[in-house]
Amino acid sequence: MANQAEWFAQSGSLLVGRQWVANQMGVALLLATPGPPPNVNTSLRWADVSANEVPATGGYTAGGQEILSRSYSYDSSDYELTLAGNDVSWGPGATISARYGVVYEMATTDKYLWLFLDFGNLISVTTGVFTVDWISGVASIQSAGPV
């Protein structure tokens, strides 16, 4: 019989969830230019995508905003970890256009990227409120069930 190793799904979820809550996590907005969208296979740190950040004008602050009230839950019946947090908004009175967003560790030395948000098209507000609405959670990560 060959050796085999497998994550305990709940333990892996606990490790990710605890880091989600412990680190200052934030969301920053990106334009489609200059260059292509961030590559989820090669981008690792905020420095890898920051050149595409929307300008720090019109109510947007460089580096984005912290996601407050972060929490996590694990559903053992679906082997699913859900990361949650409050919606993030800029405004009222904001004038912002963004195509993408990233969720990243705002206050760590390496500022690791966690999630790439694709809004589907350029989203623009003029003298309004730009909101990243998580709906039922920031991210849902599903692992395979036991073998």
C-alpha atoms as a PDB file:
ATOM      1  CA  MET A   1       0.000   0.000   0.000  1.00  0.00           C
ATOM      2  CA  ALA A   2       1.365   3.412  -0.997  1.00  0.00           C
ATOM      3  CA  ASN A   3       1.749   6.185   1.521  1.00  0.00           C
ATOM      4  CA  GLN A   4      -1.010   8.757   1.368  1.00  0.00           C
ATOM      5  CA  ALA A   5      -1.509  12.119   3.007  1.00  0.00           C
ATOM      6  CA  GLU A   6      -4.712  14.088   3.107  1.00  0.00           C
ATOM      7  CA  TRP A   7      -5.679  17.359   4.730  1.00  0.00           C
ATOM      8  CA  PHE A   8      -8.221  17.237   7.478  1.00  0.00           C
ATOM      9  CA  ALA A   9     -10.703  19.563   5.775  1.00  0.00           C
ATOM     10  CA  GLN A  10     -11.819  21.266   8.969  1.00  0.00           C
ATOM     11  CA  SER A  11      -8.221  21.828  10.138  1.00  0.00           C
ATOM     12  CA  GLY A  12      -7.211  23.383   6.806  1.00  0.00           C
ATOM     13  CA  SER A  13     -10.271  25.605   6.945  1.00  0.00           C
ATOM     14  CA  LEU A  14      -9.432  26.620  10.501  1.00  0.00           C
ATOM     15  CA  LEU A  15      -5.911  27.629   9.432  1.00  0.00           C
ATOM     16  CA  VAL A  16      -7.222  29.804   6.579  1.00  0.00           C
ATOM     17  CA  GLY A  17     -10.087  31.221   8.652  1.00  0.00           C
ATOM     18  CA  ARG A  18      -7.857  32.183  11.566  1.00  0.00           C
ATOM     19  CA  GLN A  19      -5.507  34.066   9.203  1.00  0.00           C
ATOM     20  CA  TRP A  20      -8.517  35.780   7.600  1.00  0.00           C
ATOM     21  CA  VAL A  21      -9.609  37.153  10.985  1.00  0.00           C
ATOM     22  CA  ALA A  22      -6.123  37.843  12.426  1.00  0.00           C
ATOM     23  CA  ASN A  23      -4.704  39.844   9.495  1.00  0.00           C
ATOM     24  CA  GLN A  24      -5.879  43.292   8.421  1.00  0.00           C
ATOM     25  CA  MET A  25      -7.590  42.294   5.175  1.00  0.00           C
ATOM     26  CA  GLY A  26      -8.675  44.870   2.641  1.00  0.00           C
ATOM     27  CA  VAL A  27     -10.028  45.371  -0.830  1.00  0.00           C
ATOM     28  CA  ALA A  28      -8.439  47.617  -3.447  1.00  0.00           C
ATOM     29  CA  LEU A  29      -9.875  48.597  -6.819  1.00  0.00           C
ATOM     30  CA  LEU A  30      -8.078  48.130 -10.137  1.00  0.00           C
ATOM     31  CA  LEU A  31      -8.479  49.409 -13.676  1.00  0.00           C
ATOM     32  CA  ALA A  32      -8.222  47.236 -16.768  1.00  0.00           C
ATOM     33  CA  THR A  33      -5.177  49.272 -17.855  1.00  0.00           C
ATOM     34  CA  PRO A  34      -2.228  49.493 -17.953  1.00  0.00           C
ATOM     35  CA  GLY A  35      -1.707  45.976 -19.162  1.00  0.00           C
ATOM     36  CA  PRO A  36      -3.753  42.811 -18.750  1.00  0.00           C
ATOM     37  CA  PRO A  37      -5.716  41.899 -15.613  1.00  0.00           C
ATOM     38  CA  PRO A  38      -3.774  40.364 -12.733  1.00  0.00           C
ATOM     39  CA  ASN A  39      -2.715  36.789 -13.386  1.00  0.00           C
ATOM     40  CA  VAL A  40      -4.028  34.591 -10.581  1.00  0.00           C
ATOM     41  CA  ASN A  41      -1.275  32.057 -11.284  1.00  0.00           C
ATOM     42  CA  THR A  42       1.672  34.442 -11.048  1.00  0.00           C
ATOM     43  CA  SER A  43       0.556  37.426  -8.929  1.00  0.00           C
ATOM     44  CA  LEU A  44       1.385  36.873  -5.273  1.00  0.00           C
ATOM     45  CA  ARG A  45       1.799  40.255  -3.560  1.00  0.00           C
ATOM     46  CA  TRP A  46       0.182  43.684  -3.653  1.00  0.00           C
ATOM     47  CA  ALA A  47       3.278  44.987  -5.488  1.00  0.00           C
ATOM     48  CA  ASP A  48       2.427  42.631  -8.373  1.00  0.00           C
ATOM     49  CA  VAL A  49      -0.892  44.415  -9.078  1.00  0.00           C
ATOM     50  CA  SER A  50      -0.600  47.887  -7.535  1.00  0.00           C
ATOM     51  CA  ALA A  51       0.361  49.548 -10.859  1.00  0.00           C
ATOM     52  CA  ASN A  52      -3.239  48.912 -11.976  1.00  0.00           C
ATOM     53  CA  GLU A  53      -4.851  50.546  -8.924  1.00  0.00           C
ATOM     54  CA  VAL A  54      -7.457  53.220  -9.623  1.00  0.00           C
ATOM     55  CA  PRO A  55      -6.225  56.779  -8.990  1.00  0.00           C
ATOM     56  CA  ALA A  56      -6.399  58.053  -5.415  1.00  0.00           C
ATOM     57  CA  THR A  57      -8.906  60.763  -6.326  1.00  0.00           C
ATOM     58  CA  GLY A  58     -12.669  61.193  -6.280  1.00  0.00           C
ATOM     59  CA  GLY A  59     -13.070  59.638  -2.848  1.00  0.00           C
ATOM     60  CA  TYR A  60     -10.807  56.614  -3.356  1.00  0.00           C
ATOM     61  CA  THR A  61      -7.824  56.200  -1.019  1.00  0.00           C
ATOM     62  CA  ALA A  62      -4.657  54.466  -2.259  1.00  0.00           C
ATOM     63  CA  GLY A  63      -4.482  50.887  -1.023  1.00  0.00           C
ATOM     64  CA  GLY A  64      -8.240  50.537  -0.695  1.00  0.00           C
ATOM     65  CA  GLN A  65     -10.155  49.899   2.502  1.00  0.00           C
ATOM     66  CA  GLU A  66     -10.123  47.350   5.269  1.00  0.00           C
ATOM     67  CA  ILE A  67     -12.851  44.719   5.315  1.00  0.00           C
ATOM     68  CA  LEU A  68     -14.364  45.034   8.773  1.00  0.00           C
ATOM     69  CA  SER A  69     -16.116  42.395  10.897  1.00  0.00           C
ATOM     70  CA  ARG A  70     -14.307  39.487   9.248  1.00  0.00           C
ATOM     71  CA  SER A  71     -15.489  36.023  10.205  1.00  0.00           C
ATOM     72  CA  TYR A  72     -15.461  32.499   8.846  1.00  0.00           C
ATOM     73  CA  SER A  73     -17.565  29.376   9.037  1.00  0.00           C
ATOM     74  CA  TYR A  74     -17.059  25.796   7.986  1.00  0.00           C
ATOM     75  CA  ASP A  75     -19.857  23.550   6.701  1.00  0.00           C
ATOM     76  CA  SER A  76     -18.721  19.966   7.209  1.00  0.00           C
ATOM     77  CA  SER A  77     -21.605  18.538   5.163  1.00  0.00           C
ATOM     78  CA  ASP A  78     -20.324  20.351   2.041  1.00  0.00           C
ATOM     79  CA  TYR A  79     -16.646  20.608   3.073  1.00  0.00           C
ATOM     80  CA  GLU A  80     -16.983  24.343   2.493  1.00  0.00           C
ATOM     81  CA  LEU A  81     -15.234  27.261   4.162  1.00  0.00           C
ATOM     82  CA  THR A  82     -16.932  30.662   3.890  1.00  0.00           C
ATOM     83  CA  LEU A  83     -15.013  33.866   4.547  1.00  0.00           C
ATOM     84  CA  ALA A  84     -17.248  36.817   5.387  1.00  0.00           C
ATOM     85  CA  GLY A  85     -16.922  40.525   6.103  1.00  0.00           C
ATOM     86  CA  ASN A  86     -18.761  43.805   5.849  1.00  0.00           C
ATOM     87  CA  ASP A  87     -19.373  45.399   2.458  1.00  0.00           C
ATOM     88  CA  VAL A  88     -16.770  48.017   1.493  1.00  0.00           C
ATOM     89  CA  SER A  89     -17.925  51.410   0.172  1.00  0.00           C
ATOM     90  CA  TRP A  90     -16.400  54.642  -1.043  1.00  0.00           C
ATOM     91  CA  GLY A  91     -18.646  57.711  -0.911  1.00  0.00           C
ATOM     92  CA  PRO A  92     -21.075  59.387  -0.875  1.00  0.00           C
ATOM     93  CA  GLY A  93     -19.770  61.819  -3.405  1.00  0.00           C
ATOM     94  CA  ALA A  94     -17.281  59.357  -4.918  1.00  0.00           C
ATOM     95  CA  THR A  95     -16.332  59.413  -8.583  1.00  0.00           C
ATOM     96  CA  ILE A  96     -14.639  56.067  -9.279  1.00  0.00           C
ATOM     97  CA  SER A  97     -14.332  53.638 -12.186  1.00  0.00           C
ATOM     98  CA  ALA A  98     -12.965  50.131 -11.601  1.00  0.00           C
ATOM     99  CA  ARG A  99     -12.910  46.868 -13.531  1.00  0.00           C
ATOM    100  CA  TYR A 100     -11.360  44.576 -10.921  1.00  0.00           C
ATOM    101  CA  GLY A 101     -10.601  44.341  -7.257  1.00  0.00           C
ATOM    102  CA  VAL A 102      -8.227  42.401  -5.061  1.00  0.00           C
ATOM    103  CA  VAL A 103      -8.515  41.233  -1.486  1.00  0.00           C
ATOM    104  CA  TYR A 104      -5.148  41.275   0.221  1.00  0.00           C
ATOM    105  CA  GLU A 105      -3.290  41.446   3.528  1.00  0.00           C
ATOM    106  CA  MET A 106      -3.018  45.198   4.046  1.00  0.00           C
ATOM    107  CA  ALA A 107      -0.708  45.384   7.063  1.00  0.00           C
ATOM    108  CA  THR A 108       1.755  42.527   6.578  1.00  0.00           C
ATOM    109  CA  THR A 109       5.226  43.027   5.140  1.00  0.00           C
ATOM    110  CA  ASP A 110       4.545  40.907   2.049  1.00  0.00           C
ATOM    111  CA  LYS A 111       0.925  42.052   1.539  1.00  0.00           C
ATOM    112  CA  TYR A 112      -0.126  38.715   0.082  1.00  0.00           C
ATOM    113  CA  LEU A 113      -3.038  38.630  -2.370  1.00  0.00           C
ATOM    114  CA  TRP A 114      -5.967  36.419  -1.397  1.00  0.00           C
ATOM    115  CA  LEU A 115      -8.722  36.946  -3.965  1.00  0.00           C
ATOM    116  CA  PHE A 116      -9.155  38.423  -7.429  1.00  0.00           C
ATOM    117  CA  LEU A 117     -12.524  40.108  -8.010  1.00  0.00           C
ATOM    118  CA  ASP A 118     -13.713  40.389 -11.608  1.00  0.00           C
ATOM    119  CA  PHE A 119     -16.660  42.800 -11.841  1.00  0.00           C
ATOM    120  CA  GLY A 120     -17.472  41.608 -15.372  1.00  0.00           C
ATOM    121  CA  ASN A 121     -17.119  45.078 -16.899  1.00  0.00           C
ATOM    122  CA  LEU A 122     -16.034  48.584 -15.972  1.00  0.00           C
ATOM    123  CA  ILE A 123     -18.144  49.860 -13.066  1.00  0.00           C
ATOM    124  CA  SER A 124     -18.391  53.642 -12.737  1.00  0.00           C
ATOM    125  CA  VAL A 125     -20.040  55.955 -10.246  1.00  0.00           C
ATOM    126  CA  THR A 126     -20.152  59.731 -10.470  1.00  0.00           C
ATOM    127  CA  THR A 127     -20.762  61.656  -7.262  1.00  0.00           C
ATOM    128  CA  GLY A 128     -22.205  58.524  -5.678  1.00  0.00           C
ATOM    129  CA  VAL A 129     -21.251  55.427  -3.714  1.00  0.00           C
ATOM    130  CA  PHE A 130     -19.049  52.639  -5.064  1.00  0.00           C
ATOM    131  CA  THR A 131     -19.759  49.473  -3.061  1.00  0.00           C
ATOM    132  CA  VAL A 132     -18.230  46.017  -3.126  1.00  0.00           C
ATOM    133  CA  ASP A 133     -21.186  43.964  -1.881  1.00  0.00           C
ATOM    134  CA  TRP A 134     -20.217  40.513  -0.622  1.00  0.00           C
ATOM    135  CA  ILE A 135     -23.843  39.265  -0.649  1.00  0.00           C
ATOM    136  CA  SER A 136     -23.466  36.049   1.407  1.00  0.00           C
ATOM    137  CA  GLY A 137     -19.729  36.003   1.985  1.00  0.00           C
ATOM    138  CA  VAL A 138     -16.453  37.242   0.583  1.00  0.00           C
ATOM    139  CA  ALA A 139     -15.379  33.820  -0.616  1.00  0.00           C
ATOM    140  CA  SER A 140     -16.478  30.256  -0.451  1.00  0.00           C
ATOM    141  CA  ILE A 141     -13.793  27.604  -0.733  1.00  0.00           C
ATOM    142  CA  GLN A 142     -14.848  24.020  -1.219  1.00  0.00           C
ATOM    143  CA  SER A 143     -12.549  21.071  -0.761  1.00  0.00           C
ATOM    144  CA  ALA A 144     -13.090  17.522  -1.863  1.00  0.00           C
ATOM    145  CA  GLY A 145     -14.734  15.261   0.646  1.00  0.00           C
ATOM    146  CA  PRO A 146     -12.951  12.386   2.302  1.00  0.00           C
ATOM    147  CA  VAL A 147     -11.567   9.677   0.058  1.00  0.00           C
END
